[in-house]
Amino acid sequence: MKMTDHRIVVSPAVDDAIRRHGEDTYPHECCGALVGREGVTATVPLPNTTEEGPRRRFLVRPSDYRLAESRATELGGELLGFYHSHPDHPARPSQYDLDHAWPTFAYIIVAVAAGRAGDMTVWWLKDDRTSFEEGELHHGDENSDSDTAQALHR
């Protein structure tokens, strides 16, 4: 899916799920998948199995990617991107994030300091893969379309 308008609207439930995952795994990084069709409707928490130490790195292994795709299909959606936390660091992509990013996916980063989630941002890899472009993260109304955790991806 080609992203031309780098904007995501996140429902309170999706926002809460990402923040809670970051707080629950602090001081380590959390990671997970963003699932939906035209909008992000669910998150799929993934294990952080990096061998470099989960305090400063996360790794999505091929088996985790397959799990995320499988869950997306079960939920009637597709894999739209990933989220992860930055413990005690800003919600901005690192060089490691850039080196491991895939094109077309949205990447949400939540900053977690002293066990409390703070700023949350969204990023897309530029077409030339040299850097990220920051998108717009908007918070929508939980009851706008359904009672399911919902976010719109346009």
C-alpha atoms as a PDB file:
ATOM      1  CA  MET A   1       0.000   0.000   0.000  1.00  0.00           C
ATOM      2  CA  LYS A   2       1.564   3.308  -1.072  1.00  0.00           C
ATOM      3  CA  MET A   3       1.434   5.995   1.618  1.00  0.00           C
ATOM      4  CA  THR A   4       0.898   9.467   0.241  1.00  0.00           C
ATOM      5  CA  ASP A   5      -0.725  11.118   3.232  1.00  0.00           C
ATOM      6  CA  HIS A   6       1.335  10.198   6.291  1.00  0.00           C
ATOM      7  CA  ARG A   7      -1.407  10.465   8.860  1.00  0.00           C
ATOM      8  CA  ILE A   8      -2.864   8.021  11.372  1.00  0.00           C
ATOM      9  CA  VAL A   9      -5.862   8.523  13.609  1.00  0.00           C
ATOM     10  CA  VAL A  10      -5.584   6.366  16.719  1.00  0.00           C
ATOM     11  CA  SER A  11      -8.585   5.509  18.874  1.00  0.00           C
ATOM     12  CA  PRO A  12      -8.260   5.698  22.649  1.00  0.00           C
ATOM     13  CA  ALA A  13      -8.161   1.869  22.861  1.00  0.00           C
ATOM     14  CA  VAL A  14      -5.305   1.480  20.347  1.00  0.00           C
ATOM     15  CA  ASP A  15      -3.418   4.377  21.959  1.00  0.00           C
ATOM     16  CA  ASP A  16      -3.904   2.797  25.383  1.00  0.00           C
ATOM     17  CA  ALA A  17      -2.788  -0.665  24.208  1.00  0.00           C
ATOM     18  CA  ILE A  18       0.503   0.693  22.821  1.00  0.00           C
ATOM     19  CA  ARG A  19       1.206   2.846  25.893  1.00  0.00           C
ATOM     20  CA  ARG A  20       0.328   0.035  28.316  1.00  0.00           C
ATOM     21  CA  HIS A  21       2.600  -2.411  26.453  1.00  0.00           C
ATOM     22  CA  GLY A  22       5.480   0.096  26.721  1.00  0.00           C
ATOM     23  CA  GLU A  23       4.881   0.588  30.436  1.00  0.00           C
ATOM     24  CA  ASP A  24       4.516  -3.152  31.107  1.00  0.00           C
ATOM     25  CA  THR A  25       7.843  -3.993  29.460  1.00  0.00           C
ATOM     26  CA  TYR A  26       9.801  -1.012  30.870  1.00  0.00           C
ATOM     27  CA  PRO A  27      12.802  -0.741  31.178  1.00  0.00           C
ATOM     28  CA  HIS A  28      12.946  -2.890  28.027  1.00  0.00           C
ATOM     29  CA  GLU A  29      11.629  -2.021  24.595  1.00  0.00           C
ATOM     30  CA  CYS A  30       8.280  -3.452  23.591  1.00  0.00           C
ATOM     31  CA  CYS A  31       7.278  -4.178  20.029  1.00  0.00           C
ATOM     32  CA  GLY A  32       4.130  -5.106  18.203  1.00  0.00           C
ATOM     33  CA  ALA A  33       2.232  -4.955  14.934  1.00  0.00           C
ATOM     34  CA  LEU A  34      -0.435  -2.556  13.677  1.00  0.00           C
ATOM     35  CA  VAL A  35      -3.347  -4.314  11.977  1.00  0.00           C
ATOM     36  CA  GLY A  36      -6.257  -3.060   9.896  1.00  0.00           C
ATOM     37  CA  ARG A  37      -7.455  -2.319   6.375  1.00  0.00           C
ATOM     38  CA  GLU A  38      -8.175   1.305   5.683  1.00  0.00           C
ATOM     39  CA  GLY A  39      -7.543   1.930   9.355  1.00  0.00           C
ATOM     40  CA  VAL A  40      -5.617   0.424  12.249  1.00  0.00           C
ATOM     41  CA  THR A  41      -8.141  -1.658  14.170  1.00  0.00           C
ATOM     42  CA  ALA A  42      -5.886  -3.721  16.439  1.00  0.00           C
ATOM     43  CA  THR A  43      -2.415  -4.161  17.837  1.00  0.00           C
ATOM     44  CA  VAL A  44      -0.626  -7.495  18.063  1.00  0.00           C
ATOM     45  CA  PRO A  45       2.025  -7.517  20.821  1.00  0.00           C
ATOM     46  CA  LEU A  46       5.159  -9.375  19.713  1.00  0.00           C
ATOM     47  CA  PRO A  47       7.976 -10.812  21.807  1.00  0.00           C
ATOM     48  CA  ASN A  48      11.183  -8.817  21.928  1.00  0.00           C
ATOM     49  CA  THR A  49      13.711 -11.558  21.256  1.00  0.00           C
ATOM     50  CA  THR A  50      16.716  -9.488  20.241  1.00  0.00           C
ATOM     51  CA  GLU A  51      20.070 -10.933  21.228  1.00  0.00           C
ATOM     52  CA  GLU A  52      21.500  -7.400  21.543  1.00  0.00           C
ATOM     53  CA  GLY A  53      19.556  -6.770  24.742  1.00  0.00           C
ATOM     54  CA  PRO A  54      15.910  -5.662  24.909  1.00  0.00           C
ATOM     55  CA  ARG A  55      16.800  -2.520  26.878  1.00  0.00           C
ATOM     56  CA  ARG A  56      17.837  -0.646  23.727  1.00  0.00           C
ATOM     57  CA  ARG A  57      16.805  -2.856  20.789  1.00  0.00           C
ATOM     58  CA  PHE A  58      13.878  -4.789  19.442  1.00  0.00           C
ATOM     59  CA  LEU A  59      13.782  -7.395  16.734  1.00  0.00           C
ATOM     60  CA  VAL A  60      10.885  -8.661  14.640  1.00  0.00           C
ATOM     61  CA  ARG A  61      11.913 -12.142  13.583  1.00  0.00           C
ATOM     62  CA  PRO A  62      10.459 -13.808  10.469  1.00  0.00           C
ATOM     63  CA  SER A  63       8.306 -16.028  12.697  1.00  0.00           C
ATOM     64  CA  ASP A  64       6.943 -12.909  14.478  1.00  0.00           C
ATOM     65  CA  TYR A  65       6.196 -11.321  11.107  1.00  0.00           C
ATOM     66  CA  ARG A  66       4.295 -14.448  10.040  1.00  0.00           C
ATOM     67  CA  LEU A  67       2.381 -14.391  13.348  1.00  0.00           C
ATOM     68  CA  ALA A  68       1.431 -10.733  12.792  1.00  0.00           C
ATOM     69  CA  GLU A  69       0.251 -11.475   9.237  1.00  0.00           C
ATOM     70  CA  SER A  70      -1.723 -14.488  10.460  1.00  0.00           C
ATOM     71  CA  ARG A  71      -3.423 -12.469  13.219  1.00  0.00           C
ATOM     72  CA  ALA A  72      -4.168  -9.697  10.726  1.00  0.00           C
ATOM     73  CA  THR A  73      -5.902 -12.205   8.446  1.00  0.00           C
ATOM     74  CA  GLU A  74      -7.846 -13.673  11.387  1.00  0.00           C
ATOM     75  CA  LEU A  75      -8.989 -10.144  12.285  1.00  0.00           C
ATOM     76  CA  GLY A  76     -10.020  -9.390   8.689  1.00  0.00           C
ATOM     77  CA  GLY A  77      -7.200  -6.911   8.140  1.00  0.00           C
ATOM     78  CA  GLU A  78      -3.636  -6.668   6.935  1.00  0.00           C
ATOM     79  CA  LEU A  79      -0.298  -5.762   8.451  1.00  0.00           C
ATOM     80  CA  LEU A  80       0.016  -1.956   8.269  1.00  0.00           C
ATOM     81  CA  GLY A  81       3.118  -1.405  10.371  1.00  0.00           C
ATOM     82  CA  PHE A  82       4.785  -1.798  13.723  1.00  0.00           C
ATOM     83  CA  TYR A  83       5.120  -0.018  17.042  1.00  0.00           C
ATOM     84  CA  HIS A  84       7.819  -0.068  19.682  1.00  0.00           C
ATOM     85  CA  SER A  85       8.894   1.845  22.759  1.00  0.00           C
ATOM     86  CA  HIS A  86      11.971   3.908  23.531  1.00  0.00           C
ATOM     87  CA  PRO A  87      12.699   3.532  27.260  1.00  0.00           C
ATOM     88  CA  ASP A  88      14.148   6.747  28.681  1.00  0.00           C
ATOM     89  CA  HIS A  89      14.640   8.176  25.166  1.00  0.00           C
ATOM     90  CA  PRO A  90      12.580  10.408  22.860  1.00  0.00           C
ATOM     91  CA  ALA A  91       9.939   8.997  20.513  1.00  0.00           C
ATOM     92  CA  ARG A  92      12.195   9.544  17.506  1.00  0.00           C
ATOM     93  CA  PRO A  93      13.691   6.810  15.303  1.00  0.00           C
ATOM     94  CA  SER A  94      17.241   5.748  15.972  1.00  0.00           C
ATOM     95  CA  GLN A  95      19.829   4.734  13.380  1.00  0.00           C
ATOM     96  CA  TYR A  96      19.058   1.115  14.324  1.00  0.00           C
ATOM     97  CA  ASP A  97      15.365   1.762  13.555  1.00  0.00           C
ATOM     98  CA  LEU A  98      16.350   3.192  10.161  1.00  0.00           C
ATOM     99  CA  ASP A  99      18.649   0.274   9.380  1.00  0.00           C
ATOM    100  CA  HIS A 100      15.854  -2.237  10.076  1.00  0.00           C
ATOM    101  CA  ALA A 101      12.800  -0.434   8.643  1.00  0.00           C
ATOM    102  CA  TRP A 102      10.753  -1.726   5.720  1.00  0.00           C
ATOM    103  CA  PRO A 103       9.162   0.565   3.134  1.00  0.00           C
ATOM    104  CA  THR A 104       5.409   1.290   3.113  1.00  0.00           C
ATOM    105  CA  PHE A 105       4.916   0.470   6.809  1.00  0.00           C
ATOM    106  CA  ALA A 106       3.933   2.945   9.504  1.00  0.00           C
ATOM    107  CA  TYR A 107       6.151   2.940  12.607  1.00  0.00           C
ATOM    108  CA  ILE A 108       4.725   4.227  15.873  1.00  0.00           C
ATOM    109  CA  ILE A 109       7.210   4.974  18.667  1.00  0.00           C
ATOM    110  CA  VAL A 110       6.186   5.670  22.261  1.00  0.00           C
ATOM    111  CA  ALA A 111       8.633   7.231  24.720  1.00  0.00           C
ATOM    112  CA  VAL A 112       8.539   5.637  28.184  1.00  0.00           C
ATOM    113  CA  ALA A 113      10.331   7.375  31.054  1.00  0.00           C
ATOM    114  CA  ALA A 114      10.453   5.997  34.594  1.00  0.00           C
ATOM    115  CA  GLY A 115       7.805   3.448  33.625  1.00  0.00           C
ATOM    116  CA  ARG A 116       5.306   6.047  32.316  1.00  0.00           C
ATOM    117  CA  ALA A 117       4.397   6.406  28.646  1.00  0.00           C
ATOM    118  CA  GLY A 118       4.791   9.892  27.220  1.00  0.00           C
ATOM    119  CA  ASP A 119       5.085  11.230  23.681  1.00  0.00           C
ATOM    120  CA  MET A 120       3.972   8.993  20.829  1.00  0.00           C
ATOM    121  CA  THR A 121       4.939   9.659  17.202  1.00  0.00           C
ATOM    122  CA  VAL A 122       4.489   7.975  13.812  1.00  0.00           C
ATOM    123  CA  TRP A 123       7.091   7.651  11.052  1.00  0.00           C
ATOM    124  CA  TRP A 124       7.438   6.327   7.504  1.00  0.00           C
ATOM    125  CA  LEU A 125      10.628   5.320   5.736  1.00  0.00           C
ATOM    126  CA  LYS A 126      11.362   7.729   2.875  1.00  0.00           C
ATOM    127  CA  ASP A 127      11.368   6.239  -0.631  1.00  0.00           C
ATOM    128  CA  ASP A 128      15.151   6.606  -0.884  1.00  0.00           C
ATOM    129  CA  ARG A 129      15.493   4.795   2.499  1.00  0.00           C
ATOM    130  CA  THR A 130      17.936   7.395   3.834  1.00  0.00           C
ATOM    131  CA  SER A 131      15.716   8.641   6.662  1.00  0.00           C
ATOM    132  CA  PHE A 132      12.232   8.690   8.125  1.00  0.00           C
ATOM    133  CA  GLU A 133       9.487  11.205   7.531  1.00  0.00           C
ATOM    134  CA  GLU A 134       7.401  12.080  10.572  1.00  0.00           C
ATOM    135  CA  GLY A 135       3.686  11.671  10.089  1.00  0.00           C
ATOM    136  CA  GLU A 136       0.698  13.086  11.916  1.00  0.00           C
ATOM    137  CA  LEU A 137      -0.697  11.094  14.818  1.00  0.00           C
ATOM    138  CA  HIS A 138      -4.268  12.076  15.619  1.00  0.00           C
ATOM    139  CA  HIS A 139      -6.509  10.786  18.368  1.00  0.00           C
ATOM    140  CA  GLY A 140     -10.021   9.912  17.277  1.00  0.00           C
ATOM    141  CA  ASP A 141     -13.313   9.146  18.941  1.00  0.00           C
ATOM    142  CA  GLU A 142     -13.740   5.563  20.167  1.00  0.00           C
ATOM    143  CA  ASN A 143     -17.372   5.492  19.059  1.00  0.00           C
ATOM    144  CA  SER A 144     -16.912   6.989  15.596  1.00  0.00           C
ATOM    145  CA  ASP A 145     -17.291   3.716  13.648  1.00  0.00           C
ATOM    146  CA  SER A 146     -17.594   0.793  16.026  1.00  0.00           C
ATOM    147  CA  ASP A 147     -16.991  -0.338  19.546  1.00  0.00           C
ATOM    148  CA  THR A 148     -13.803  -2.105  18.440  1.00  0.00           C
ATOM    149  CA  ALA A 149     -10.427  -0.437  18.977  1.00  0.00           C
ATOM    150  CA  GLN A 150     -10.126   1.643  15.850  1.00  0.00           C
ATOM    151  CA  ALA A 151      -7.713   3.947  14.116  1.00  0.00           C
ATOM    152  CA  LEU A 152      -7.946   5.312  10.606  1.00  0.00           C
ATOM    153  CA  HIS A 153      -4.983   5.080   8.263  1.00  0.00           C
ATOM    154  CA  ARG A 154      -5.080   7.391   5.259  1.00  0.00           C
END
